[in-house]
Amino acid sequence: MYSLREHSANKVAVVGDTGALLARLYYMLPSYRFDFYTTSICVSEVKDQENREALLKAVDLGLVKVVDPGSEDFRRATDAAKSIGELSKVSEADLSVIALALKLSQETRVVVLTDDYSVQNVLYQLGIGFKPVRTSGIRSAFKYREYCPTCGYVPGRPGEKICPVCGSPILRVRVS
């Protein structure tokens, strides 16, 4: 595990999600200007042998720093996603990336590399910079209301698609 105390104040912290790891963007960023971070959850999502070997080599070389956010950062990320109706659309890995960005943003400038529109929407609401990898990214931020139309249950866990109370699909409606 990497210590944040080793981060240079002059560098930009880049947080990569699983898509950024699969694109091997950590090899393309000059290390004198950027520190590339990810979480252990994202590392565990890289399953194919070729990409996994490349990633583990980059970790060994210090090109990728694996840092897991604390429970308080994770709670803040979850609360932010819930407050704009994105909790059912983000995964644990997505929340770990958002939480790590929150943690790093207390000390330095952060940019998150992600193509996930829901992650981008949460980051936008939090005022954290992001850059899409292979897509154009979000054009504007939205807020949603998530609920069960049958019983009124509001999702409390990442990725909930079905109401645990009555079994109906969770509905997501954009609000102004």
C-alpha atoms as a PDB file:
ATOM      1  CA  MET A   1       0.000   0.000   0.000  1.00  0.00           C
ATOM      2  CA  TYR A   2       1.216   3.466  -0.897  1.00  0.00           C
ATOM      3  CA  SER A   3       1.535   6.303   1.608  1.00  0.00           C
ATOM      4  CA  LEU A   4       0.016   9.654   0.649  1.00  0.00           C
ATOM      5  CA  ARG A   5       2.866  11.426   2.426  1.00  0.00           C
ATOM      6  CA  GLU A   6       5.085  10.489  -0.516  1.00  0.00           C
ATOM      7  CA  HIS A   7       2.942  12.536  -2.945  1.00  0.00           C
ATOM      8  CA  SER A   8       4.715  15.618  -4.272  1.00  0.00           C
ATOM      9  CA  ALA A   9       2.770  18.856  -3.817  1.00  0.00           C
ATOM     10  CA  ASN A  10       3.807  20.004  -7.311  1.00  0.00           C
ATOM     11  CA  LYS A  11       2.225  17.019  -9.034  1.00  0.00           C
ATOM     12  CA  VAL A  12      -1.367  16.457 -10.078  1.00  0.00           C
ATOM     13  CA  ALA A  13      -2.973  13.370  -8.576  1.00  0.00           C
ATOM     14  CA  VAL A  14      -4.690  11.319 -11.260  1.00  0.00           C
ATOM     15  CA  VAL A  15      -7.196   8.717 -10.060  1.00  0.00           C
ATOM     16  CA  GLY A  16      -7.973   5.991 -12.567  1.00  0.00           C
ATOM     17  CA  ASP A  17     -11.001   3.736 -12.518  1.00  0.00           C
ATOM     18  CA  THR A  18     -10.984   0.230 -13.994  1.00  0.00           C
ATOM     19  CA  GLY A  19     -11.495   1.563 -17.530  1.00  0.00           C
ATOM     20  CA  ALA A  20      -8.439   3.798 -17.202  1.00  0.00           C
ATOM     21  CA  LEU A  21      -6.436   0.824 -15.934  1.00  0.00           C
ATOM     22  CA  LEU A  22      -7.519  -1.291 -18.898  1.00  0.00           C
ATOM     23  CA  ALA A  23      -6.517   1.541 -21.258  1.00  0.00           C
ATOM     24  CA  ARG A  24      -3.089   1.558 -19.514  1.00  0.00           C
ATOM     25  CA  LEU A  25      -3.103   5.332 -19.235  1.00  0.00           C
ATOM     26  CA  TYR A  26      -0.590   5.129 -16.392  1.00  0.00           C
ATOM     27  CA  TYR A  27       2.113   4.464 -19.014  1.00  0.00           C
ATOM     28  CA  MET A  28       1.196   7.615 -20.957  1.00  0.00           C
ATOM     29  CA  LEU A  29       1.409  10.168 -18.155  1.00  0.00           C
ATOM     30  CA  PRO A  30       4.810  11.728 -17.410  1.00  0.00           C
ATOM     31  CA  SER A  31       5.691  10.760 -13.837  1.00  0.00           C
ATOM     32  CA  TYR A  32       7.457  14.068 -13.171  1.00  0.00           C
ATOM     33  CA  ARG A  33       4.070  15.816 -13.499  1.00  0.00           C
ATOM     34  CA  PHE A  34       1.479  13.253 -12.426  1.00  0.00           C
ATOM     35  CA  ASP A  35       1.016  10.646  -9.723  1.00  0.00           C
ATOM     36  CA  PHE A  36      -1.374   7.905 -10.852  1.00  0.00           C
ATOM     37  CA  TYR A  37      -3.614   6.390  -8.149  1.00  0.00           C
ATOM     38  CA  THR A  38      -6.244   3.693  -8.071  1.00  0.00           C
ATOM     39  CA  THR A  39      -7.952   1.538  -5.468  1.00  0.00           C
ATOM     40  CA  SER A  40      -7.559  -2.150  -4.672  1.00  0.00           C
ATOM     41  CA  ILE A  41     -11.176  -2.737  -5.751  1.00  0.00           C
ATOM     42  CA  CYS A  42     -10.342  -1.414  -9.237  1.00  0.00           C
ATOM     43  CA  VAL A  43      -7.181  -3.520  -9.354  1.00  0.00           C
ATOM     44  CA  SER A  44      -9.230  -6.623  -8.497  1.00  0.00           C
ATOM     45  CA  GLU A  45     -11.583  -5.880 -11.419  1.00  0.00           C
ATOM     46  CA  VAL A  46      -8.727  -6.252 -13.926  1.00  0.00           C
ATOM     47  CA  LYS A  47      -9.143  -9.944 -14.661  1.00  0.00           C
ATOM     48  CA  ASP A  48      -7.532 -10.739 -18.028  1.00  0.00           C
ATOM     49  CA  GLN A  49      -3.947 -11.935 -17.761  1.00  0.00           C
ATOM     50  CA  GLU A  50      -2.320  -9.453 -20.153  1.00  0.00           C
ATOM     51  CA  ASN A  51      -3.790  -6.339 -18.528  1.00  0.00           C
ATOM     52  CA  ARG A  52      -3.328  -7.730 -15.014  1.00  0.00           C
ATOM     53  CA  GLU A  53       0.375  -8.427 -15.621  1.00  0.00           C
ATOM     54  CA  ALA A  54       0.886  -4.958 -17.100  1.00  0.00           C
ATOM     55  CA  LEU A  55      -0.890  -3.373 -14.136  1.00  0.00           C
ATOM     56  CA  LEU A  56       1.033  -5.343 -11.509  1.00  0.00           C
ATOM     57  CA  LYS A  57       4.295  -4.439 -13.263  1.00  0.00           C
ATOM     58  CA  ALA A  58       3.291  -0.755 -13.194  1.00  0.00           C
ATOM     59  CA  VAL A  59       2.517  -1.058  -9.482  1.00  0.00           C
ATOM     60  CA  ASP A  60       5.929  -2.669  -8.866  1.00  0.00           C
ATOM     61  CA  LEU A  61       7.623   0.135 -10.826  1.00  0.00           C
ATOM     62  CA  GLY A  62       5.763   2.780  -8.818  1.00  0.00           C
ATOM     63  CA  LEU A  63       3.828   4.068 -11.832  1.00  0.00           C
ATOM     64  CA  VAL A  64       0.530   3.158 -10.162  1.00  0.00           C
ATOM     65  CA  LYS A  65      -0.088   3.758  -6.481  1.00  0.00           C
ATOM     66  CA  VAL A  66      -2.808   1.633  -4.905  1.00  0.00           C
ATOM     67  CA  VAL A  67      -4.511   3.534  -2.077  1.00  0.00           C
ATOM     68  CA  ASP A  68      -7.779   2.681  -0.395  1.00  0.00           C
ATOM     69  CA  PRO A  69      -9.838   5.554   1.008  1.00  0.00           C
ATOM     70  CA  GLY A  70     -10.960   5.561   4.602  1.00  0.00           C
ATOM     71  CA  SER A  71     -14.465   4.850   5.789  1.00  0.00           C
ATOM     72  CA  GLU A  72     -15.211   8.565   6.226  1.00  0.00           C
ATOM     73  CA  ASP A  73     -14.259   9.298   2.594  1.00  0.00           C
ATOM     74  CA  PHE A  74     -16.334   6.325   1.467  1.00  0.00           C
ATOM     75  CA  ARG A  75     -19.307   7.591   3.480  1.00  0.00           C
ATOM     76  CA  ARG A  76     -18.942  11.066   1.921  1.00  0.00           C
ATOM     77  CA  ALA A  77     -18.839   9.530  -1.567  1.00  0.00           C
ATOM     78  CA  THR A  78     -21.913   7.409  -0.831  1.00  0.00           C
ATOM     79  CA  ASP A  79     -23.792  10.407   0.584  1.00  0.00           C
ATOM     80  CA  ALA A  80     -22.902  12.511  -2.462  1.00  0.00           C
ATOM     81  CA  ALA A  81     -24.112   9.804  -4.864  1.00  0.00           C
ATOM     82  CA  LYS A  82     -27.300   9.337  -2.863  1.00  0.00           C
ATOM     83  CA  SER A  83     -28.011  13.080  -2.683  1.00  0.00           C
ATOM     84  CA  ILE A  84     -28.179  13.377  -6.492  1.00  0.00           C
ATOM     85  CA  GLY A  85     -29.890  10.050  -7.154  1.00  0.00           C
ATOM     86  CA  GLU A  86     -26.885   8.172  -8.547  1.00  0.00           C
ATOM     87  CA  LEU A  87     -26.489   5.533  -5.822  1.00  0.00           C
ATOM     88  CA  SER A  88     -28.261   2.794  -7.795  1.00  0.00           C
ATOM     89  CA  LYS A  89     -26.038   3.518 -10.813  1.00  0.00           C
ATOM     90  CA  VAL A  90     -22.625   3.375  -9.121  1.00  0.00           C
ATOM     91  CA  SER A  91     -20.750   0.283  -7.985  1.00  0.00           C
ATOM     92  CA  GLU A  92     -18.498  -0.237  -4.966  1.00  0.00           C
ATOM     93  CA  ALA A  93     -15.510   0.289  -7.295  1.00  0.00           C
ATOM     94  CA  ASP A  94     -17.013   3.569  -8.541  1.00  0.00           C
ATOM     95  CA  LEU A  95     -17.546   4.751  -4.969  1.00  0.00           C
ATOM     96  CA  SER A  96     -13.976   3.789  -4.063  1.00  0.00           C
ATOM     97  CA  VAL A  97     -12.681   5.989  -6.906  1.00  0.00           C
ATOM     98  CA  ILE A  98     -14.878   8.916  -5.824  1.00  0.00           C
ATOM     99  CA  ALA A  99     -13.832   8.421  -2.189  1.00  0.00           C
ATOM    100  CA  LEU A 100     -10.133   8.324  -3.118  1.00  0.00           C
ATOM    101  CA  ALA A 101     -10.561  11.518  -5.133  1.00  0.00           C
ATOM    102  CA  LEU A 102     -12.202  13.148  -2.097  1.00  0.00           C
ATOM    103  CA  LYS A 103      -9.325  12.003   0.109  1.00  0.00           C
ATOM    104  CA  LEU A 104      -6.633  13.260  -2.264  1.00  0.00           C
ATOM    105  CA  SER A 105      -8.433  16.547  -2.965  1.00  0.00           C
ATOM    106  CA  GLN A 106      -7.813  17.587   0.644  1.00  0.00           C
ATOM    107  CA  GLU A 107      -4.076  17.760  -0.138  1.00  0.00           C
ATOM    108  CA  THR A 108      -3.629  18.374  -3.858  1.00  0.00           C
ATOM    109  CA  ARG A 109      -5.268  18.929  -7.234  1.00  0.00           C
ATOM    110  CA  VAL A 110      -7.077  15.815  -8.488  1.00  0.00           C
ATOM    111  CA  VAL A 111      -8.345  14.629 -11.849  1.00  0.00           C
ATOM    112  CA  VAL A 112     -10.300  11.381 -12.203  1.00  0.00           C
ATOM    113  CA  LEU A 113     -10.057   9.382 -15.429  1.00  0.00           C
ATOM    114  CA  THR A 114     -13.423   7.711 -16.055  1.00  0.00           C
ATOM    115  CA  ASP A 115     -15.944   7.117 -18.822  1.00  0.00           C
ATOM    116  CA  ASP A 116     -18.734   6.374 -16.341  1.00  0.00           C
ATOM    117  CA  TYR A 117     -21.375   9.115 -16.655  1.00  0.00           C
ATOM    118  CA  SER A 118     -22.750   8.540 -13.168  1.00  0.00           C
ATOM    119  CA  VAL A 119     -19.275   8.846 -11.634  1.00  0.00           C
ATOM    120  CA  GLN A 120     -18.686  12.013 -13.671  1.00  0.00           C
ATOM    121  CA  ASN A 121     -22.010  13.423 -12.444  1.00  0.00           C
ATOM    122  CA  VAL A 122     -21.092  12.799  -8.783  1.00  0.00           C
ATOM    123  CA  LEU A 123     -17.603  14.265  -9.286  1.00  0.00           C
ATOM    124  CA  TYR A 124     -19.116  17.336 -10.950  1.00  0.00           C
ATOM    125  CA  GLN A 125     -21.438  17.864  -7.980  1.00  0.00           C
ATOM    126  CA  LEU A 126     -18.435  17.544  -5.627  1.00  0.00           C
ATOM    127  CA  GLY A 127     -16.322  20.003  -7.638  1.00  0.00           C
ATOM    128  CA  ILE A 128     -13.676  17.387  -8.497  1.00  0.00           C
ATOM    129  CA  GLY A 129     -12.187  17.406 -11.981  1.00  0.00           C
ATOM    130  CA  PHE A 130     -12.575  14.479 -14.348  1.00  0.00           C
ATOM    131  CA  LYS A 131     -11.496  13.531 -17.834  1.00  0.00           C
ATOM    132  CA  PRO A 132     -13.222  10.893 -19.958  1.00  0.00           C
ATOM    133  CA  VAL A 133     -11.023   8.190 -21.461  1.00  0.00           C
ATOM    134  CA  ARG A 134     -12.851   7.051 -24.601  1.00  0.00           C
ATOM    135  CA  THR A 135     -16.154   8.941 -24.540  1.00  0.00           C
ATOM    136  CA  SER A 136     -17.086  12.588 -24.817  1.00  0.00           C
ATOM    137  CA  GLY A 137     -18.164  12.682 -21.156  1.00  0.00           C
ATOM    138  CA  ILE A 138     -21.178  14.380 -19.638  1.00  0.00           C
ATOM    139  CA  ARG A 139     -22.296  17.670 -21.123  1.00  0.00           C
ATOM    140  CA  SER A 140     -24.189  18.806 -18.035  1.00  0.00           C
ATOM    141  CA  ALA A 141     -24.889  17.518 -14.554  1.00  0.00           C
ATOM    142  CA  PHE A 142     -28.270  16.256 -13.441  1.00  0.00           C
ATOM    143  CA  LYS A 143     -29.997  15.274 -10.254  1.00  0.00           C
ATOM    144  CA  TYR A 144     -32.249  12.262 -10.031  1.00  0.00           C
ATOM    145  CA  ARG A 145     -34.766  10.870  -7.585  1.00  0.00           C
ATOM    146  CA  GLU A 146     -34.511   7.127  -6.992  1.00  0.00           C
ATOM    147  CA  TYR A 147     -37.362   5.224  -5.371  1.00  0.00           C
ATOM    148  CA  CYS A 148     -39.588   2.178  -5.557  1.00  0.00           C
ATOM    149  CA  PRO A 149     -42.852   3.246  -7.238  1.00  0.00           C
ATOM    150  CA  THR A 150     -44.771   0.532  -5.384  1.00  0.00           C
ATOM    151  CA  CYS A 151     -43.764   1.018  -1.748  1.00  0.00           C
ATOM    152  CA  GLY A 152     -41.653   4.214  -1.752  1.00  0.00           C
ATOM    153  CA  TYR A 153     -38.382   2.571  -0.669  1.00  0.00           C
ATOM    154  CA  VAL A 154     -35.298   4.718  -1.402  1.00  0.00           C
ATOM    155  CA  PRO A 155     -32.075   2.810  -2.312  1.00  0.00           C
ATOM    156  CA  GLY A 156     -29.510   2.763   0.445  1.00  0.00           C
ATOM    157  CA  ARG A 157     -26.794   0.631  -1.155  1.00  0.00           C
ATOM    158  CA  PRO A 158     -24.769   1.023  -4.352  1.00  0.00           C
ATOM    159  CA  GLY A 159     -26.139  -0.732  -7.401  1.00  0.00           C
ATOM    160  CA  GLU A 160     -29.611  -1.530  -6.029  1.00  0.00           C
ATOM    161  CA  LYS A 161     -31.879  -2.193  -8.984  1.00  0.00           C
ATOM    162  CA  ILE A 162     -34.687  -4.133  -7.262  1.00  0.00           C
ATOM    163  CA  CYS A 163     -36.551  -3.039  -4.148  1.00  0.00           C
ATOM    164  CA  PRO A 164     -35.640  -5.361  -1.257  1.00  0.00           C
ATOM    165  CA  VAL A 165     -39.001  -4.664   0.391  1.00  0.00           C
ATOM    166  CA  CYS A 166     -41.489  -5.509  -2.388  1.00  0.00           C
ATOM    167  CA  GLY A 167     -39.392  -6.729  -5.328  1.00  0.00           C
ATOM    168  CA  SER A 168     -40.351  -3.969  -7.778  1.00  0.00           C
ATOM    169  CA  PRO A 169     -37.728  -2.341 -10.007  1.00  0.00           C
ATOM    170  CA  ILE A 170     -36.197   0.857  -8.609  1.00  0.00           C
ATOM    171  CA  LEU A 171     -37.329   3.870 -10.627  1.00  0.00           C
ATOM    172  CA  ARG A 172     -34.976   6.746 -11.426  1.00  0.00           C
ATOM    173  CA  VAL A 173     -36.448  10.072 -12.529  1.00  0.00           C
ATOM    174  CA  ARG A 174     -34.535  13.216 -13.461  1.00  0.00           C
ATOM    175  CA  VAL A 175     -35.490  16.268 -11.417  1.00  0.00           C
ATOM    176  CA  SER A 176     -34.949  19.921 -12.312  1.00  0.00           C
END
